[in-house]
Structure formats: C-alpha cells, structure tokens
Protein backbone atom coordinates (compact mmCIF):
# COMPACT_ATOMS: atom_id res chain seq x y z
CA VAL A 1 9.12 17.34 37.67
CA ASP A 2 12.51 18.65 38.77
CA TYR A 3 11.67 22.08 37.37
CA ASP A 4 8.29 22.15 39.08
CA LEU A 5 9.96 21.52 42.46
CA VAL A 6 12.30 24.52 42.16
CA ARG A 7 10.50 27.04 39.91
CA HIS A 8 9.03 29.12 42.74
CA ALA A 9 12.36 29.37 44.59
CA GLU A 10 14.28 30.13 41.37
CA ALA A 11 11.84 32.85 40.33
CA LYS A 12 12.22 34.46 43.75
CA ARG A 13 16.03 34.17 43.63
CA LEU A 14 16.16 35.75 40.17
CA HIS A 15 13.60 38.44 41.06
CA LEU A 16 11.34 37.31 38.18
CA ARG A 17 7.64 36.83 37.91
CA LEU A 18 6.80 33.12 37.69
CA PRO A 19 5.22 33.39 34.17
CA THR A 20 8.40 35.13 32.94
CA LEU A 21 10.58 32.27 34.14
CA ASP A 22 8.18 29.66 32.69
CA HIS A 23 8.29 31.36 29.29
CA ALA A 24 12.10 31.56 29.34
CA VAL A 25 12.40 27.87 30.24
CA GLU A 26 9.93 26.88 27.50
CA ARG A 27 11.93 28.88 24.95
CA ALA A 28 15.19 27.30 26.08
CA ARG A 29 13.66 23.83 25.75
CA SER A 30 12.52 24.64 22.21
CA LEU A 31 16.03 25.74 21.24
CA GLN A 32 17.44 22.56 22.74
CA ASP A 33 14.93 20.48 20.78
CA ASP A 34 16.01 22.25 17.58
CA ALA A 35 19.65 21.56 18.41
CA ASP A 36 18.89 17.90 19.07
CA ALA A 37 17.00 17.63 15.76
CA SER A 38 19.94 19.17 13.90
CA SER A 39 22.20 16.53 15.38
CA VAL A 40 20.05 13.60 14.16
CA PRO A 41 22.32 11.78 11.68
CA LEU A 42 21.01 11.61 8.11
CA SER A 43 22.75 9.54 5.47
CA HIS A 44 24.73 11.44 2.86
CA LEU A 45 25.33 10.37 -0.73
CA GLU A 46 28.19 12.07 -2.55
CA LEU A 47 27.46 12.88 -6.17
CA TRP A 48 28.91 10.46 -8.69
CA PRO A 49 31.85 12.32 -10.24
CA GLU A 50 30.87 11.73 -13.87
CA PRO A 51 27.67 12.49 -15.83
CA ILE A 52 25.30 9.57 -16.40
CA LEU A 53 25.40 8.93 -20.13
CA ASP A 54 23.01 5.94 -20.26
CA ALA A 55 20.16 6.63 -17.85
CA PRO A 56 17.93 3.72 -19.00
CA ALA A 57 20.77 1.26 -18.31
CA LEU A 58 21.35 2.74 -14.83
CA PHE A 59 17.72 2.38 -13.84
CA ASP A 60 17.57 -1.10 -15.39
CA GLU A 61 20.41 -2.11 -13.08
CA ILE A 62 18.56 -0.73 -10.06
CA HIS A 63 15.37 -2.52 -11.10
CA ASP A 64 17.18 -5.85 -11.38
CA ARG A 65 18.87 -5.27 -8.02
CA TYR A 66 15.50 -5.29 -6.28
CA LEU A 67 14.46 -8.50 -7.99
CA HIS A 68 17.76 -10.11 -6.98
CA TYR A 69 16.93 -9.74 -3.29
CA ALA A 70 13.13 -9.69 -3.06
CA SER A 71 10.01 -11.34 -4.44
CA LEU A 72 7.79 -8.45 -5.53
CA PRO A 73 4.30 -8.07 -7.01
CA GLY A 74 4.05 -7.08 -10.65
CA GLY A 75 5.06 -3.46 -11.24
CA ALA A 76 6.52 -2.97 -7.75
CA ALA A 77 10.17 -3.08 -8.85
CA VAL A 78 9.48 -0.30 -11.38
CA VAL A 79 7.92 1.92 -8.69
CA LEU A 80 10.77 1.25 -6.25
CA THR A 81 13.31 2.06 -8.96
CA LEU A 82 11.76 5.41 -9.91
CA TRP A 83 10.89 6.58 -6.41
CA PRO A 84 14.50 7.34 -5.31
CA GLY A 85 14.89 9.52 -8.41
CA HIS A 86 11.85 11.50 -7.31
CA ALA A 87 13.28 11.75 -3.76
CA HIS A 88 16.54 13.24 -5.08
CA ALA A 89 14.56 15.75 -7.16
CA ILE A 90 11.71 16.29 -4.69
CA LYS A 91 11.81 20.09 -5.06
CA ALA A 92 10.81 19.62 -8.70
CA PHE A 93 7.37 18.40 -7.61
CA ASP A 94 4.54 19.94 -5.64
CA LEU A 95 3.39 16.54 -4.32
CA THR A 96 5.30 13.46 -3.22
CA PRO A 97 3.74 9.98 -3.18
CA ARG A 98 4.20 7.72 -0.17
CA ILE A 99 5.38 4.18 -0.76
CA HIS A 100 3.60 1.64 1.42
CA LEU A 101 5.06 -1.86 1.67
CA THR A 102 2.46 -4.09 3.24
CA SER A 103 1.87 -7.78 3.84
CA ARG A 104 -0.55 -9.97 5.74
CA LYS A 105 2.19 -11.51 7.88
CA GLN A 106 5.86 -11.25 8.77
CA GLY A 107 8.69 -12.57 6.66
CA CYS A 108 7.61 -11.21 3.27
CA GLY A 109 10.67 -8.99 2.65
CA LYS A 110 9.37 -5.54 3.55
CA SER A 111 12.40 -4.61 5.68
CA THR A 112 14.78 -5.86 2.98
CA VAL A 113 13.13 -3.69 0.35
CA LEU A 114 13.15 -0.73 2.72
CA SER A 115 16.90 -1.22 3.28
CA ILE A 116 17.61 -1.20 -0.47
CA LEU A 117 15.38 1.84 -0.94
CA ALA A 118 17.11 3.69 1.90
CA ALA A 119 20.53 3.06 0.35
CA LEU A 120 19.43 4.78 -2.87
CA CYS A 121 17.78 7.89 -1.38
CA PRO A 122 19.15 11.19 -0.03
CA ARG A 123 19.33 12.25 3.64
CA VAL A 124 17.66 9.11 4.96
CA LEU A 125 16.10 8.96 8.40
CA ARG A 126 15.20 5.34 9.05
CA THR A 127 13.47 4.20 12.22
CA ASN A 128 11.09 1.62 13.66
CA ASN A 129 9.36 4.22 15.85
CA LEU A 130 8.85 7.94 15.34
CA LYS A 131 7.18 10.61 17.43
CA PRO A 132 5.57 13.64 15.75
CA ALA A 133 7.91 16.16 17.42
CA VAL A 134 10.93 14.55 15.75
CA LEU A 135 9.33 14.86 12.33
CA TYR A 136 8.41 18.50 12.98
CA ARG A 137 11.99 19.45 13.71
CA THR A 138 13.80 17.33 11.12
CA GLY A 139 11.38 18.47 8.39
CA PRO A 140 13.39 21.59 7.42
CA ARG A 141 16.32 19.31 6.55
CA GLN A 142 13.97 17.53 4.10
CA PRO A 143 14.97 13.97 4.92
CA THR A 144 13.77 10.87 3.14
CA VAL A 145 11.95 9.10 5.95
CA CYS A 146 11.77 5.29 6.00
CA LEU A 147 9.39 4.05 8.67
CA ASP A 148 9.29 0.32 9.40
CA GLU A 149 6.74 -1.55 11.54
CA MET A 150 4.18 1.25 11.27
CA ASP A 151 1.42 -1.03 12.53
CA THR A 152 3.06 -1.16 15.99
CA TYR A 153 3.04 2.57 16.79
CA LEU A 154 0.99 4.72 14.40
CA HIS A 155 -2.11 4.23 16.57
CA LEU A 156 -0.17 5.51 19.60
CA TYR A 157 0.43 8.92 18.02
CA PRO A 158 -2.74 10.20 16.26
CA GLU A 159 -0.96 13.45 15.48
CA LEU A 160 1.67 11.53 13.51
CA GLY A 161 -0.97 10.27 11.08
CA GLY A 162 -2.11 13.82 10.35
CA LEU A 163 1.48 14.96 9.79
CA LEU A 164 2.17 12.05 7.43
CA ASN A 165 -0.96 13.01 5.50
CA ALA A 166 -0.08 16.70 5.22
CA SER A 167 3.62 16.36 4.48
CA ASN A 168 3.14 15.06 0.94
CA ASP A 169 2.30 18.60 -0.20
CA MET A 170 5.00 21.19 -0.97
CA ASP A 171 2.90 23.87 0.72
CA ALA A 172 2.47 21.80 3.88
CA CYS A 173 3.15 23.78 7.01
CA VAL A 174 2.38 22.74 10.59
CA TYR A 175 1.73 25.38 13.27
CA ARG A 176 2.41 24.76 16.94
CA CYS A 177 2.30 26.89 20.08
CA GLU A 178 5.58 27.12 21.98
CA GLY A 179 4.96 29.04 25.17
CA HIS A 180 3.21 32.23 24.07
CA ALA A 181 4.53 32.07 20.51
CA ILE A 182 3.14 30.35 17.40
CA ARG A 183 5.75 28.59 15.32
CA ALA A 184 5.54 27.17 11.80
CA PHE A 185 7.27 23.93 10.77
CA LYS A 186 7.79 23.12 7.10
CA ALA A 187 7.01 19.47 6.46
CA TYR A 188 7.38 18.46 2.79
CA ILE A 189 9.03 15.05 3.04
CA ALA A 190 9.42 11.90 0.92
CA ILE A 191 8.25 8.98 3.05
CA ALA A 192 8.34 5.20 2.60
CA LEU A 193 6.32 3.07 5.02
CA ALA A 194 6.21 -0.62 5.89
CA SER A 195 3.57 -2.39 7.95
CA ILE A 196 1.64 -5.58 8.41
CA GLY A 197 -1.89 -4.89 7.25
CA PRO A 198 -3.42 -1.73 5.74
CA LEU A 199 -2.96 1.86 6.82
CA VAL A 200 -5.74 4.30 7.70
CA PRO A 201 -7.72 5.32 4.59
CA THR A 202 -6.42 8.91 4.42
CA LEU A 203 -2.80 7.74 4.39
CA ARG A 204 -3.54 4.84 2.06
CA ASP A 205 -5.02 7.27 -0.48
CA ARG A 206 -1.74 9.18 -0.54
CA SER A 207 0.34 6.02 -0.97
CA ILE A 208 1.29 3.69 -3.77
CA VAL A 209 0.58 0.38 -2.07
CA LEU A 210 2.86 -2.57 -2.78
CA ALA A 211 1.30 -5.72 -1.33
CA MET A 212 4.00 -8.32 -0.68
CA GLU A 213 3.57 -12.05 -0.23
CA GLU A 214 5.83 -14.77 1.09
CA ALA A 215 8.47 -15.61 -1.51
CA PRO A 216 7.85 -18.81 -3.54
CA PRO A 217 10.49 -21.58 -3.56
CA GLY A 218 13.67 -20.43 -5.27
CA TYR A 219 13.18 -16.75 -4.47
CA PRO A 220 14.76 -14.42 -3.69
CA LYS A 221 17.82 -15.21 -5.72
CA ALA A 222 20.22 -14.06 -2.98
CA ARG A 223 20.10 -13.04 0.66
CA PHE A 224 20.42 -9.30 1.24
CA ASP A 225 23.12 -8.25 3.71
CA LYS A 226 22.62 -4.65 4.84
CA ARG A 227 26.23 -4.54 6.05
CA LYS A 228 27.38 -4.76 2.44
CA LEU A 229 25.87 -1.82 0.59
CA GLU A 230 28.73 -0.89 -1.71
CA THR A 231 26.78 -1.58 -4.91
CA GLU A 232 23.61 0.12 -3.69
CA THR A 233 25.60 3.15 -2.51
CA ILE A 234 27.21 3.53 -5.92
CA LEU A 235 23.80 3.30 -7.58
CA GLY A 236 22.45 5.91 -5.17
CA ARG A 237 25.32 8.26 -5.97
CA LYS A 238 24.61 7.83 -9.67
CA ILE A 239 20.93 8.62 -9.17
CA ALA A 240 21.94 11.74 -7.24
CA ARG A 241 24.18 12.88 -10.10
CA TRP A 242 21.53 12.12 -12.72
CA ALA A 243 18.85 13.98 -10.74
CA GLN A 244 21.07 17.04 -10.30
CA ASP A 245 22.05 17.17 -13.97
CA ASN A 246 18.45 16.70 -15.13
CA PHE A 247 16.66 18.72 -12.46
CA ALA A 248 15.45 21.41 -14.87
CA ALA A 249 14.06 18.81 -17.28
CA ILE A 250 12.33 16.97 -14.42
CA ALA A 251 10.78 20.18 -13.07
CA ALA A 252 9.56 21.18 -16.54
CA CYS A 253 8.19 17.74 -17.40
CA ASP A 254 4.41 17.46 -17.65
CA PRO A 255 4.00 13.76 -18.40
CA VAL A 256 1.01 12.30 -20.18
CA LEU A 257 -0.89 10.13 -17.71
CA PRO A 258 -3.23 7.27 -18.60
CA PRO A 259 -6.91 8.29 -18.85
CA GLU A 260 -7.81 6.34 -15.72
CA ALA A 261 -5.34 8.39 -13.63
CA TYR A 262 -7.21 11.35 -12.16
CA ASN A 263 -7.50 13.27 -8.88
CA ARG A 264 -5.39 11.72 -6.11
CA LEU A 265 -4.39 8.74 -8.23
CA ALA A 266 -2.86 11.14 -10.75
CA ASP A 267 -1.16 13.12 -7.97
CA LYS A 268 0.52 9.96 -6.68
CA TRP A 269 1.82 8.77 -10.02
CA ARG A 270 2.73 12.02 -11.80
CA PRO A 271 6.25 12.27 -10.24
CA LEU A 272 7.06 8.69 -11.27
CA PHE A 273 5.81 9.24 -14.82
CA ALA A 274 7.92 12.42 -15.00
CA ILE A 275 11.06 10.64 -13.82
CA ALA A 276 10.44 7.82 -16.33
CA GLN A 277 9.92 10.27 -19.19
CA VAL A 278 13.18 12.10 -18.47
CA ILE A 279 15.04 8.76 -18.19
CA GLY A 280 13.71 7.90 -21.64
CA GLY A 281 14.20 4.65 -23.52
CA HIS A 282 11.68 1.99 -22.52
CA TRP A 283 11.00 3.52 -19.10
CA PRO A 284 7.85 5.50 -20.06
CA GLN A 285 6.34 2.22 -21.24
CA ARG A 286 7.56 0.43 -18.13
CA VAL A 287 5.92 2.88 -15.74
CA LEU A 288 2.67 2.70 -17.72
CA GLU A 289 2.65 -1.08 -17.42
CA ALA A 290 3.42 -0.84 -13.69
CA PHE A 291 0.58 1.64 -13.21
CA ARG A 292 -1.89 -0.71 -14.86
CA GLN A 293 -0.63 -3.75 -12.97
CA LEU A 294 -0.86 -2.07 -9.58
CA ASN A 295 -4.19 -0.37 -10.23
CA ALA A 296 -5.98 -3.17 -12.03
CA LYS A 297 -9.45 -3.75 -10.66
CA PRO A 298 -10.00 -7.32 -9.51
CA GLU A 299 -12.35 -9.44 -11.56
CA PRO A 300 -15.77 -9.46 -9.91
CA ALA A 301 -16.54 -12.75 -8.23
CA PRO A 302 -19.20 -14.76 -10.04
CA ASP A 303 -22.70 -14.64 -8.55
CA LEU A 304 -23.01 -18.12 -7.09
CA GLY A 305 -26.79 -17.85 -6.99
CA LEU A 306 -27.03 -17.25 -10.73
CA LEU A 307 -24.47 -19.98 -11.38
CA LEU A 308 -26.59 -22.35 -9.29
CA LEU A 309 -29.75 -21.47 -11.24
CA ALA A 310 -27.98 -22.02 -14.56
CA ASP A 311 -26.77 -25.45 -13.51
CA ILE A 312 -30.24 -26.44 -12.23
CA ARG A 313 -31.77 -25.38 -15.54
CA ASP A 314 -29.22 -27.51 -17.42
CA ILE A 315 -29.91 -30.50 -15.16
CA PHE A 316 -33.67 -30.34 -15.74
CA ALA A 317 -33.07 -29.97 -19.50
CA LYS A 318 -30.62 -32.88 -19.74
CA THR A 319 -32.70 -35.26 -17.64
CA GLY A 320 -36.00 -34.23 -19.18
CA ALA A 321 -37.52 -34.50 -15.68
CA GLN A 322 -40.37 -32.35 -14.45
CA ARG A 323 -39.64 -33.12 -10.78
CA LEU A 324 -36.45 -34.01 -8.91
CA PHE A 325 -35.83 -34.99 -5.33
CA SER A 326 -33.50 -32.64 -3.47
CA SER A 327 -30.98 -35.44 -3.00
CA ALA A 328 -30.93 -36.20 -6.73
CA LEU A 329 -30.52 -32.51 -7.58
CA VAL A 330 -27.63 -32.17 -5.12
CA ASP A 331 -25.92 -35.25 -6.59
CA ALA A 332 -26.32 -33.86 -10.09
CA LEU A 333 -24.92 -30.47 -9.05
CA CYS A 334 -21.91 -32.08 -7.40
CA ALA A 335 -21.22 -33.96 -10.62
CA VAL A 336 -20.94 -30.73 -12.63
CA PRO A 337 -17.19 -30.21 -13.27
CA GLU A 338 -15.36 -27.02 -12.26
CA ARG A 339 -18.09 -25.78 -9.96
CA PRO A 340 -17.78 -24.77 -6.29
CA TRP A 341 -20.35 -27.40 -5.26
CA SER A 342 -18.25 -30.15 -6.76
CA LEU A 343 -16.91 -32.83 -4.46
CA THR A 344 -13.37 -32.05 -5.62
CA THR A 345 -13.44 -28.24 -5.51
CA PRO A 346 -13.03 -26.71 -2.04
CA VAL A 347 -14.13 -23.07 -2.30
CA THR A 348 -14.31 -20.64 0.61
CA ASP A 349 -17.53 -19.07 -0.70
CA LEU A 350 -19.29 -22.19 0.53
CA GLY A 351 -17.83 -21.80 4.01
CA SER A 352 -16.06 -25.16 3.96
CA ALA A 353 -14.40 -27.70 1.70
CA ARG A 354 -17.28 -30.17 2.03
CA PRO A 355 -19.75 -30.74 -0.83
CA ILE A 356 -23.13 -29.04 -0.70
CA ASN A 357 -26.13 -30.79 0.84
CA GLU A 358 -29.91 -30.50 0.70
CA GLY A 359 -30.02 -27.90 3.47
CA TRP A 360 -27.52 -25.68 1.66
CA LEU A 361 -29.53 -25.97 -1.56
CA ALA A 362 -32.76 -24.99 0.22
CA ARG A 363 -31.15 -21.94 1.88
CA ASN A 364 -29.68 -20.67 -1.36
CA LEU A 365 -32.88 -21.10 -3.37
CA ARG A 366 -34.88 -19.05 -0.85
CA ARG A 367 -33.24 -15.97 -2.39
CA PHE A 368 -35.32 -16.70 -5.51
CA ALA A 369 -38.49 -17.62 -3.57
CA VAL A 370 -38.16 -21.26 -4.63
CA ARG A 371 -38.99 -23.80 -1.93
CA SER A 372 -39.01 -27.57 -1.83
CA HIS A 373 -42.18 -29.69 -1.71
CA ASN A 374 -43.11 -33.17 -0.57
CA LEU A 375 -42.95 -35.15 -3.83
CA ARG A 376 -43.81 -38.68 -4.92
CA ILE A 377 -41.67 -40.01 -7.76
CA ASN A 378 -41.91 -43.66 -8.87
CA GLY A 379 -43.47 -44.63 -5.57
CA ASP A 380 -40.86 -42.88 -3.43
CA ARG A 381 -41.64 -39.88 -1.25
CA ALA A 382 -39.15 -37.11 -0.32
CA LYS A 383 -38.51 -33.39 -0.46
CA GLY A 384 -37.82 -32.05 -3.93
CA TYR A 385 -38.40 -29.41 -6.59
CA GLU A 386 -40.66 -29.10 -9.62
CA LEU A 387 -39.56 -27.55 -12.87
CA ILE A 388 -42.63 -25.33 -12.92
CA ASP A 389 -41.38 -23.60 -9.74
CA PHE A 390 -38.29 -22.42 -11.64
CA THR A 391 -39.91 -21.30 -14.90
CA GLY A 392 -40.44 -17.66 -13.92
CA VAL A 393 -37.13 -17.55 -12.02
CA PHE A 394 -35.18 -18.79 -15.05
CA ALA A 395 -36.84 -16.19 -17.27
CA LYS A 396 -36.22 -13.34 -14.78
CA TYR A 397 -32.60 -14.04 -13.82
CA LEU A 398 -31.14 -16.01 -16.73
CA GLY A 399 -33.06 -14.58 -19.67
C-alpha cells in the first residue's frame, strides 16, 4: 500500500517509466525474500567423530527410545527409526516418503514423536504453520521439514498441498513468475507431518501413515522433555556419521521388496528397506515385519444378513418347528451366544446396544424377500414365519 501511494511520484523523480520501476521493485523484493529464507535457522548436527562399528545396535537404541516416550502402533517405531537415516542420505534416493502421524483426537503423542524425530534428522525446519513461499525458498537448502497441526492450515493454502505432493520426487521443480521473469525452485525435501484426521488422498498416497491412539494405562514409560535432548542429539550425530560413511552403499542398494509392494507403495517403502539392508543384522527382517503390520488389510466384517439366516436355520432345525412367531424367533436369536443380537453383546452394526426386536427382524429379512404372516399356533394368533418361506433362501445363500 505504501508503495502504491508513492510509485507515480518516485517514477517521475527518477525519470523512469512506471513499468520499469515496478519491475525493479519486484526484483528487489524477490532478492529480499531469498535473503530472508537464507536466514531461517535450521538445526545442525555435527558428525559423530568416530565410525559406527555396530549399526544394528545403534538403530536398536533409537527404536527403544521411541517406545520409551510414546505408545505406537505395531511397526511404527521401526519406520520412525529408519526414516532419519533416509533423511541424512536423501540424495541417495530419487523419492522420499512422507511420514504422517495421525490420530482421531488430541493427546495421542504426535507432537512428542515429531520432537524425537526432529532431533535425529538433519537441517530441521519445524513449524505449526507454513506458507508455500517459505517452502519454495528454503527448498534449495534441502531441510527436513516437520509440520505439526496440519489439519489447522493445509486447507488455507491449496498451493501448499500441491508442493508437498511434488516435493517427494528428486526431479521436482516448481516454476513461478517473478515480475517478467520465470524462476525455478528446486523442492526435493524430506517431510514429516502430524494432524488430527486424514490428509487429502494425493498426499496420503505419498505418506507412510502411522495412526496413533491414546496411550493405555502405564504408557508411555517416561515423559518426554524437549528441553533435554542430549541423548537424542548424540543419536542423531551417530546417524549422520553412519549415513556419510555408508552413503555409497545406500545409493547402490536395490533392496528386495515384498511381492505386495508395487507402484506407489513400493516407492514409499524402498528407501526404508534400503536403509535396513545396509544396517544389516535383524533390521531387514524388522522392516519387513513393519511393512506387513502397517499395510495389513483389515478382516472383512461378517455379513450380518447371512449370519442371521444361518442362526434362523439352526433354530428351526433344533426346535423341529415348521412355524414360529416373530417374538419366539427373536427370543431364540437373542439366546444364541456370541452374536450381535444377543442381549449381552452391544454391537454398533445394530445401531444401538439394545437387543433386536420383531421390527428389526422384519426389516432385515426383507433383503431376502422373506416376510412375516399372520399365524395360528396352538390357539394363539400373531405375526410369524414359516420354514417353507426360508427353504429357497437357505439353499441360495447358505448352500
């Protein structure tokens, strides 16, 4: 605003055309932005002075350090242990996986884990809010970026999401117009993210997702104090030394991935498998187990309709009845142990913790075109079902 108020007078005073002055000011602002980006403080880890002679023991210690301060899902500690090694040797890879720490609510330890991770990585830029322009200009310094509370600001900067997507590729380059010039920004960066809830699908596909839950009683074993990072700093320095001494081996490593790792899933995990293979010892097996734990497909939920039909068939068979009132069938179903319609088994699939009733039974049998009738049994009249109505249904769905 200040510039807009004086630009005409200044152009006249300097005997310049207005576009010439505008271009000069834009260029000066760009140089100032670059200078500001160069002054952003990034953490620095000095190399450990001695070679690392027992790499498996070093990474075991790091693994146990995470578990000392955080309650983590299976396989997560392995990923968090290997990822700093990949960050120190990032130029050995053509793709870098994002780490995404997520939870359904606050207080699950995401920030604690991010603090430990940051202490182990090189040139760390950690923030709770980041604008795209900052990432453009710090990118050439190849920081390790740790972004907390992503759910509070990613939606405010759509361009940031695209940059986070692109910057996992060594060939990533972002082009921007500055005045009348086009400028390229290199943006190959190791990034760890933390948020409540999921990320957008494109970013999630580029991330190894670690879903955290509230710690059970007795965990974590100790409270993490980010003011006291002496141990983590030493471990980070040792990782830096190990990565430097083994850089050629890491770059040359072409690890064997599990058969189920292909396309983007393989891209995300290949750097971690390479780091584990160069570490040696039991670490190749450890990363394989972590991969399978974190990528295991959930067991499909049982089809409640088919389960219901099976129990009804058993009830007719055990009672020997040809007709049953709806109320009697409901009572018999509720007496079946370890079923969601049991009186003692609250299951969300039923929508509540109450036992089923005749209305629920009628609604769920409509799927199979089975409807209740007015029946007379031993002189009593009520709605119910006849075995003959189920004969074809049992044969079709239960075999």
